[in-house]
């Protein structure tokens, strides 16, 4: 009987509101996680681009090609912004 009385006192609208809020919180956390993942991927790609630009700079210096060296330096500098 005591359990039945407690069930009668439960505010189902409040329970529903709490559940809806928790689901919304989970959605928000998932979106934040997705953003963090995208940022990490962008940083990884920027690192790869910088590495390739450094290779091009090295080859340009070896071959004595100032225009290519300058272009590679510009690419490297722009990837640092990410």
PDB file of N, CA and C in Angstrom:
ATOM      1  N   UNK A   1       0.815  -1.205   0.000  1.00  0.00           N
ATOM      2  CA  UNK A   1       0.000   0.000   0.000  1.00  0.00           C
ATOM      3  C   UNK A   1       0.855   1.264   0.000  1.00  0.00           C
ATOM      4  N   UNK A   2       1.963   1.212   0.731  1.00  0.00           N
ATOM      5  CA  UNK A   2       2.845   2.378   0.810  1.00  0.00           C
ATOM      6  C   UNK A   2       3.442   2.706  -0.561  1.00  0.00           C
ATOM      7  N   UNK A   3       3.859   1.683  -1.265  1.00  0.00           N
ATOM      8  CA  UNK A   3       4.410   1.873  -2.607  1.00  0.00           C
ATOM      9  C   UNK A   3       3.359   2.450  -3.540  1.00  0.00           C
ATOM     10  N   UNK A   4       2.166   1.970  -3.436  1.00  0.00           N
ATOM     11  CA  UNK A   4       1.070   2.460  -4.268  1.00  0.00           C
ATOM     12  C   UNK A   4       0.809   3.942  -3.991  1.00  0.00           C
ATOM     13  N   UNK A   5       0.872   4.333  -2.749  1.00  0.00           N
ATOM     14  CA  UNK A   5       0.676   5.736  -2.378  1.00  0.00           C
ATOM     15  C   UNK A   5       1.790   6.611  -2.953  1.00  0.00           C
ATOM     16  N   UNK A   6       3.023   6.107  -2.894  1.00  0.00           N
ATOM     17  CA  UNK A   6       4.145   6.870  -3.447  1.00  0.00           C
ATOM     18  C   UNK A   6       3.995   7.041  -4.948  1.00  0.00           C
ATOM     19  N   UNK A   7       3.523   5.985  -5.611  1.00  0.00           N
ATOM     20  CA  UNK A   7       3.310   6.072  -7.061  1.00  0.00           C
ATOM     21  C   UNK A   7       2.233   7.094  -7.401  1.00  0.00           C
ATOM     22  N   UNK A   8       1.244   7.176  -6.569  1.00  0.00           N
ATOM     23  CA  UNK A   8       0.167   8.147  -6.813  1.00  0.00           C
ATOM     24  C   UNK A   8       0.685   9.576  -6.665  1.00  0.00           C
ATOM     25  N   UNK A   9       1.713   9.759  -5.840  1.00  0.00           N
ATOM     26  CA  UNK A   9       2.254  11.084  -5.592  1.00  0.00           C
ATOM     27  C   UNK A   9       3.279  11.519  -6.654  1.00  0.00           C
ATOM     28  N   UNK A  10       3.705  10.610  -7.486  1.00  0.00           N
ATOM     29  CA  UNK A  10       4.715  10.934  -8.503  1.00  0.00           C
ATOM     30  C   UNK A  10       4.120  11.895  -9.520  1.00  0.00           C
ATOM     31  N   UNK A  11       4.860  12.948  -9.788  1.00  0.00           N
ATOM     32  CA  UNK A  11       4.460  13.933 -10.796  1.00  0.00           C
ATOM     33  C   UNK A  11       5.044  13.481 -12.134  1.00  0.00           C
ATOM     34  N   UNK A  12       4.211  12.862 -12.945  1.00  0.00           N
ATOM     35  CA  UNK A  12       4.684  12.291 -14.208  1.00  0.00           C
ATOM     36  C   UNK A  12       5.178  13.366 -15.167  1.00  0.00           C
ATOM     37  N   UNK A  13       4.610  14.523 -15.093  1.00  0.00           N
ATOM     38  CA  UNK A  13       5.061  15.621 -15.957  1.00  0.00           C
ATOM     39  C   UNK A  13       6.489  16.034 -15.575  1.00  0.00           C
ATOM     40  N   UNK A  14       6.776  16.061 -14.302  1.00  0.00           N
ATOM     41  CA  UNK A  14       8.120  16.392 -13.835  1.00  0.00           C
ATOM     42  C   UNK A  14       9.130  15.326 -14.276  1.00  0.00           C
ATOM     43  N   UNK A  15       8.730  14.056 -14.161  1.00  0.00           N
ATOM     44  CA  UNK A  15       9.596  12.957 -14.594  1.00  0.00           C
ATOM     45  C   UNK A  15       9.867  13.080 -16.094  1.00  0.00           C
ATOM     46  N   UNK A  16       8.816  13.354 -16.853  1.00  0.00           N
ATOM     47  CA  UNK A  16       8.959  13.518 -18.302  1.00  0.00           C
ATOM     48  C   UNK A  16       9.908  14.677 -18.618  1.00  0.00           C
ATOM     49  N   UNK A  17       9.720  15.807 -17.931  1.00  0.00           N
ATOM     50  CA  UNK A  17      10.573  16.973 -18.157  1.00  0.00           C
ATOM     51  C   UNK A  17      12.033  16.659 -17.833  1.00  0.00           C
ATOM     52  N   UNK A  18      12.265  15.930 -16.761  1.00  0.00           N
ATOM     53  CA  UNK A  18      13.628  15.545 -16.385  1.00  0.00           C
ATOM     54  C   UNK A  18      14.263  14.659 -17.447  1.00  0.00           C
ATOM     55  N   UNK A  19      13.502  13.711 -17.955  1.00  0.00           N
ATOM     56  CA  UNK A  19      14.025  12.815 -18.994  1.00  0.00           C
ATOM     57  C   UNK A  19      14.324  13.580 -20.277  1.00  0.00           C
ATOM     58  N   UNK A  20      13.442  14.473 -20.642  1.00  0.00           N
ATOM     59  CA  UNK A  20      13.655  15.275 -21.852  1.00  0.00           C
ATOM     60  C   UNK A  20      14.919  16.123 -21.696  1.00  0.00           C
ATOM     61  N   UNK A  21      15.105  16.713 -20.519  1.00  0.00           N
ATOM     62  CA  UNK A  21      16.290  17.534 -20.274  1.00  0.00           C
ATOM     63  C   UNK A  21      17.562  16.703 -20.360  1.00  0.00           C
ATOM     64  N   UNK A  22      17.536  15.507 -19.824  1.00  0.00           N
ATOM     65  CA  UNK A  22      18.716  14.637 -19.870  1.00  0.00           C
ATOM     66  C   UNK A  22      19.048  14.248 -21.311  1.00  0.00           C
ATOM     67  N   UNK A  23      18.030  13.994 -22.123  1.00  0.00           N
ATOM     68  CA  UNK A  23      18.251  13.660 -23.533  1.00  0.00           C
ATOM     69  C   UNK A  23      18.851  14.866 -24.259  1.00  0.00           C
ATOM     70  N   UNK A  24      18.345  16.057 -23.978  1.00  0.00           N
ATOM     71  CA  UNK A  24      18.892  17.269 -24.595  1.00  0.00           C
ATOM     72  C   UNK A  24      20.348  17.479 -24.185  1.00  0.00           C
ATOM     73  N   UNK A  25      20.649  17.228 -22.919  1.00  0.00           N
ATOM     74  CA  UNK A  25      22.035  17.354 -22.443  1.00  0.00           C
ATOM     75  C   UNK A  25      22.950  16.377 -23.186  1.00  0.00           C
ATOM     76  N   UNK A  26      22.484  15.157 -23.378  1.00  0.00           N
ATOM     77  CA  UNK A  26      23.278  14.158 -24.107  1.00  0.00           C
ATOM     78  C   UNK A  26      23.514  14.592 -25.552  1.00  0.00           C
ATOM     79  N   UNK A  27      22.486  15.133 -26.192  1.00  0.00           N
ATOM     80  CA  UNK A  27      22.642  15.613 -27.570  1.00  0.00           C
ATOM     81  C   UNK A  27      23.710  16.703 -27.640  1.00  0.00           C
ATOM     82  N   UNK A  28      23.653  17.619 -26.684  1.00  0.00           N
ATOM     83  CA  UNK A  28      24.618  18.715 -26.650  1.00  0.00           C
ATOM     84  C   UNK A  28      26.038  18.187 -26.453  1.00  0.00           C
ATOM     85  N   UNK A  29      26.200  17.232 -25.558  1.00  0.00           N
ATOM     86  CA  UNK A  29      27.517  16.642 -25.320  1.00  0.00           C
ATOM     87  C   UNK A  29      28.037  15.939 -26.565  1.00  0.00           C
ATOM     88  N   UNK A  30      27.161  15.269 -27.306  1.00  0.00           N
ATOM     89  CA  UNK A  30      27.576  14.599 -28.546  1.00  0.00           C
ATOM     90  C   UNK A  30      28.024  15.618 -29.588  1.00  0.00           C
ATOM     91  N   UNK A  31      27.323  16.737 -29.682  1.00  0.00           N
ATOM     92  CA  UNK A  31      27.720  17.776 -30.637  1.00  0.00           C
ATOM     93  C   UNK A  31      29.088  18.340 -30.269  1.00  0.00           C
ATOM     94  N   UNK A  32      29.322  18.556 -28.977  1.00  0.00           N
ATOM     95  CA  UNK A  32      30.624  19.051 -28.535  1.00  0.00           C
ATOM     96  C   UNK A  32      31.722  18.055 -28.875  1.00  0.00           C
ATOM     97  N   UNK A  33      31.422  16.781 -28.689  1.00  0.00           N
ATOM     98  CA  UNK A  33      32.395  15.735 -28.995  1.00  0.00           C
ATOM     99  C   UNK A  33      32.712  15.721 -30.487  1.00  0.00           C
ATOM    100  N   UNK A  34      31.673  15.880 -31.322  1.00  0.00           N
ATOM    101  CA  UNK A  34      31.885  15.937 -32.767  1.00  0.00           C
ATOM    102  C   UNK A  34      32.764  17.117 -33.146  1.00  0.00           C
ATOM    103  N   UNK A  35      32.548  18.272 -32.505  1.00  0.00           N
ATOM    104  CA  UNK A  35      33.355  19.452 -32.799  1.00  0.00           C
ATOM    105  C   UNK A  35      34.811  19.208 -32.426  1.00  0.00           C
ATOM    106  N   UNK A  36      35.026  18.575 -31.285  1.00  0.00           N
ATOM    107  CA  UNK A  36      36.386  18.281 -30.847  1.00  0.00           C
ATOM    108  C   UNK A  36      37.069  17.333 -31.834  1.00  0.00           C
ATOM    109  N   UNK A  37      36.315  16.373 -32.333  1.00  0.00           N
ATOM    110  CA  UNK A  37      36.870  15.415 -33.290  1.00  0.00           C
ATOM    111  C   UNK A  37      37.265  16.129 -34.589  1.00  0.00           C
ATOM    112  N   UNK A  38      36.416  17.028 -35.050  1.00  0.00           N
ATOM    113  CA  UNK A  38      36.702  17.780 -36.280  1.00  0.00           C
ATOM    114  C   UNK A  38      37.957  18.633 -36.093  1.00  0.00           C
ATOM    115  N   UNK A  39      38.064  19.276 -34.934  1.00  0.00           N
ATOM    116  CA  UNK A  39      39.247  20.101 -34.657  1.00  0.00           C
ATOM    117  C   UNK A  39      40.504  19.249 -34.666  1.00  0.00           C
ATOM    118  N   UNK A  40      40.430  18.069 -34.064  1.00  0.00           N
ATOM    119  CA  UNK A  40      41.608  17.194 -34.025  1.00  0.00           C
ATOM    120  C   UNK A  40      41.990  16.729 -35.426  1.00  0.00           C
ATOM    121  N   UNK A  41      41.009  16.404 -36.244  1.00  0.00           N
ATOM    122  CA  UNK A  41      41.287  15.987 -37.622  1.00  0.00           C
ATOM    123  C   UNK A  41      41.942  17.144 -38.388  1.00  0.00           C
ATOM    124  N   UNK A  42      41.429  18.359 -38.202  1.00  0.00           N
ATOM    125  CA  UNK A  42      42.005  19.523 -38.886  1.00  0.00           C
ATOM    126  C   UNK A  42      43.453  19.739 -38.454  1.00  0.00           C
ATOM    127  N   UNK A  43      43.723  19.572 -37.176  1.00  0.00           N
ATOM    128  CA  UNK A  43      45.096  19.740 -36.690  1.00  0.00           C
ATOM    129  C   UNK A  43      46.019  18.673 -37.272  1.00  0.00           C
ATOM    130  N   UNK A  44      45.516  17.439 -37.343  1.00  0.00           N
ATOM    131  CA  UNK A  44      46.322  16.364 -37.922  1.00  0.00           C
ATOM    132  C   UNK A  44      46.633  16.636 -39.388  1.00  0.00           C
ATOM    133  N   UNK A  45      45.627  17.083 -40.144  1.00  0.00           N
ATOM    134  CA  UNK A  45      45.829  17.385 -41.566  1.00  0.00           C
ATOM    135  C   UNK A  45      46.799  18.551 -41.730  1.00  0.00           C
ATOM    136  N   UNK A  46      46.687  19.556 -40.871  1.00  0.00           N
ATOM    137  CA  UNK A  46      47.598  20.697 -40.947  1.00  0.00           C
ATOM    138  C   UNK A  46      49.033  20.244 -40.707  1.00  0.00           C
ATOM    139  N   UNK A  47      49.202  19.329 -39.779  1.00  0.00           N
ATOM    140  CA  UNK A  47      50.535  18.798 -39.494  1.00  0.00           C
ATOM    141  C   UNK A  47      51.092  18.061 -40.710  1.00  0.00           C
ATOM    142  N   UNK A  48      50.247  17.287 -41.364  1.00  0.00           N
ATOM    143  CA  UNK A  48      50.678  16.562 -42.562  1.00  0.00           C
ATOM    144  C   UNK A  48      51.070  17.538 -43.675  1.00  0.00           C
ATOM    145  N   UNK A  49      50.272  18.583 -43.847  1.00  0.00           N
ATOM    146  CA  UNK A  49      50.562  19.581 -44.881  1.00  0.00           C
ATOM    147  C   UNK A  49      51.882  20.288 -44.579  1.00  0.00           C
ATOM    148  N   UNK A  50      52.111  20.622 -43.312  1.00  0.00           N
ATOM    149  CA  UNK A  50      53.366  21.274 -42.938  1.00  0.00           C
ATOM    150  C   UNK A  50      54.555  20.371 -43.232  1.00  0.00           C
ATOM    151  N   UNK A  51      54.407  19.101 -42.940  1.00  0.00           N
ATOM    152  CA  UNK A  51      55.488  18.154 -43.200  1.00  0.00           C
ATOM    153  C   UNK A  51      55.801  18.088 -44.697  1.00  0.00           C
ATOM    154  N   UNK A  52      54.766  18.018 -45.513  1.00  0.00           N
ATOM    155  CA  UNK A  52      54.971  17.975 -46.967  1.00  0.00           C
ATOM    156  C   UNK A  52      55.578  19.281 -47.467  1.00  0.00           C
ATOM    157  N   UNK A  53      55.144  20.404 -46.885  1.00  0.00           N
ATOM    158  CA  UNK A  53      55.711  21.702 -47.284  1.00  0.00           C
ATOM    159  C   UNK A  53      57.192  21.756 -46.932  1.00  0.00           C
ATOM    160  N   UNK A  54      57.551  21.208 -45.770  1.00  0.00           N
ATOM    161  CA  UNK A  54      58.965  21.174 -45.378  1.00  0.00           C
ATOM    162  C   UNK A  54      59.789  20.325 -46.359  1.00  0.00           C
ATOM    163  N   UNK A  55      59.207  19.216 -46.817  1.00  0.00           N
ATOM    164  CA  UNK A  55      59.888  18.386 -47.818  1.00  0.00           C
ATOM    165  C   UNK A  55      60.120  19.177 -49.107  1.00  0.00           C
ATOM    166  N   UNK A  56      59.088  19.917 -49.519  1.00  0.00           N
ATOM    167  CA  UNK A  56      59.202  20.708 -50.749  1.00  0.00           C
ATOM    168  C   UNK A  56      60.254  21.800 -50.571  1.00  0.00           C
ATOM    169  N   UNK A  57      60.276  22.423 -49.408  1.00  0.00           N
ATOM    170  CA  UNK A  57      61.273  23.469 -49.125  1.00  0.00           C
ATOM    171  C   UNK A  57      62.680  22.888 -49.214  1.00  0.00           C
ATOM    172  N   UNK A  58      62.862  21.719 -48.626  1.00  0.00           N
ATOM    173  CA  UNK A  58      64.175  21.066 -48.643  1.00  0.00           C
ATOM    174  C   UNK A  58      64.611  20.780 -50.084  1.00  0.00           C
ATOM    175  N   UNK A  59      63.692  20.233 -50.876  1.00  0.00           N
ATOM    176  CA  UNK A  59      64.019  19.917 -52.275  1.00  0.00           C
ATOM    177  C   UNK A  59      64.303  21.201 -53.056  1.00  0.00           C
ATOM    178  N   UNK A  60      63.503  22.244 -52.788  1.00  0.00           N
ATOM    179  CA  UNK A  60      63.698  23.506 -53.495  1.00  0.00           C
ATOM    180  C   UNK A  60      65.069  24.097 -53.178  1.00  0.00           C
ATOM    181  N   UNK A  61      65.489  23.989 -51.927  1.00  0.00           N
ATOM    182  CA  UNK A  61      66.812  24.493 -51.549  1.00  0.00           C
ATOM    183  C   UNK A  61      67.912  23.695 -52.241  1.00  0.00           C
ATOM    184  N   UNK A  62      67.720  22.379 -52.302  1.00  0.00           N
ATOM    185  CA  UNK A  62      68.710  21.515 -52.957  1.00  0.00           C
ATOM    186  C   UNK A  62      68.812  21.835 -54.445  1.00  0.00           C
ATOM    187  N   UNK A  63      67.665  22.117 -55.059  1.00  0.00           N
ATOM    188  CA  UNK A  63      67.636  22.356 -56.500  1.00  0.00           C
ATOM    189  C   UNK A  63      67.872  23.828 -56.839  1.00  0.00           C
ATOM    190  N   UNK A  64      67.881  24.669 -55.823  1.00  0.00           N
ATOM    191  CA  UNK A  64      68.111  26.098 -56.067  1.00  0.00           C
ATOM    192  C   UNK A  64      66.934  26.754 -56.748  1.00  0.00           C
ATOM    193  N   UNK A  65      65.710  26.428 -56.330  1.00  0.00           N
ATOM    194  CA  UNK A  65      64.503  26.983 -56.943  1.00  0.00           C
ATOM    195  C   UNK A  65      63.813  27.916 -55.940  1.00  0.00           C
ATOM    196  N   UNK A  66      64.170  29.190 -55.951  1.00  0.00           N
ATOM    197  CA  UNK A  66      63.626  30.122 -54.958  1.00  0.00           C
ATOM    198  C   UNK A  66      62.105  30.297 -55.029  1.00  0.00           C
ATOM    199  N   UNK A  67      61.535  30.276 -56.233  1.00  0.00           N
ATOM    200  CA  UNK A  67      60.085  30.460 -56.369  1.00  0.00           C
ATOM    201  C   UNK A  67      59.336  29.312 -55.701  1.00  0.00           C
ATOM    202  N   UNK A  68      59.807  28.101 -55.904  1.00  0.00           N
ATOM    203  CA  UNK A  68      59.182  26.930 -55.293  1.00  0.00           C
ATOM    204  C   UNK A  68      59.363  26.967 -53.783  1.00  0.00           C
ATOM    205  N   UNK A  69      60.520  27.361 -53.340  1.00  0.00           N
ATOM    206  CA  UNK A  69      60.787  27.460 -51.903  1.00  0.00           C
ATOM    207  C   UNK A  69      59.848  28.485 -51.260  1.00  0.00           C
ATOM    208  N   UNK A  70      59.667  29.619 -51.907  1.00  0.00           N
ATOM    209  CA  UNK A  70      58.799  30.669 -51.377  1.00  0.00           C
ATOM    210  C   UNK A  70      57.347  30.173 -51.302  1.00  0.00           C
ATOM    211  N   UNK A  71      56.880  29.512 -52.354  1.00  0.00           N
ATOM    212  CA  UNK A  71      55.507  29.005 -52.372  1.00  0.00           C
ATOM    213  C   UNK A  71      55.293  27.978 -51.261  1.00  0.00           C
ATOM    214  N   UNK A  72      56.259  27.113 -51.064  1.00  0.00           N
ATOM    215  CA  UNK A  72      56.151  26.101 -50.014  1.00  0.00           C
ATOM    216  C   UNK A  72      56.148  26.743 -48.632  1.00  0.00           C
ATOM    217  N   UNK A  73      56.937  27.782 -48.447  1.00  0.00           N
ATOM    218  CA  UNK A  73      56.967  28.495 -47.164  1.00  0.00           C
ATOM    219  C   UNK A  73      55.605  29.134 -46.881  1.00  0.00           C
ATOM    220  N   UNK A  74      54.981  29.687 -47.909  1.00  0.00           N
ATOM    221  CA  UNK A  74      53.652  30.301 -47.744  1.00  0.00           C
ATOM    222  C   UNK A  74      52.624  29.261 -47.338  1.00  0.00           C
ATOM    223  N   UNK A  75      52.671  28.086 -47.961  1.00  0.00           N
ATOM    224  CA  UNK A  75      51.742  27.003 -47.596  1.00  0.00           C
ATOM    225  C   UNK A  75      51.975  26.605 -46.138  1.00  0.00           C
ATOM    226  N   UNK A  76      53.208  26.457 -45.761  1.00  0.00           N
ATOM    227  CA  UNK A  76      53.536  26.053 -44.398  1.00  0.00           C
ATOM    228  C   UNK A  76      53.021  27.099 -43.396  1.00  0.00           C
ATOM    229  N   UNK A  77      53.230  28.368 -43.676  1.00  0.00           N
ATOM    230  CA  UNK A  77      52.795  29.432 -42.777  1.00  0.00           C
ATOM    231  C   UNK A  77      51.283  29.477 -42.644  1.00  0.00           C
ATOM    232  N   UNK A  78      50.580  29.234 -43.742  1.00  0.00           N
ATOM    233  CA  UNK A  78      49.109  29.265 -43.685  1.00  0.00           C
ATOM    234  C   UNK A  78      48.540  28.092 -42.898  1.00  0.00           C
ATOM    235  N   UNK A  79      49.214  26.959 -42.907  1.00  0.00           N
ATOM    236  CA  UNK A  79      48.720  25.808 -42.151  1.00  0.00           C
ATOM    237  C   UNK A  79      48.967  25.972 -40.657  1.00  0.00           C
ATOM    238  N   UNK A  80      49.885  26.820 -40.286  1.00  0.00           N
ATOM    239  CA  UNK A  80      50.151  27.061 -38.863  1.00  0.00           C
ATOM    240  C   UNK A  80      48.943  27.717 -38.200  1.00  0.00           C
ATOM    241  N   UNK A  81      48.157  28.464 -38.952  1.00  0.00           N
ATOM    242  CA  UNK A  81      46.993  29.151 -38.414  1.00  0.00           C
ATOM    243  C   UNK A  81      45.996  28.161 -37.830  1.00  0.00           C
ATOM    244  N   UNK A  82      45.865  26.984 -38.415  1.00  0.00           N
ATOM    245  CA  UNK A  82      44.930  25.965 -37.913  1.00  0.00           C
ATOM    246  C   UNK A  82      45.461  25.466 -36.643  1.00  0.00           C
TER     247      UNK A  82
END
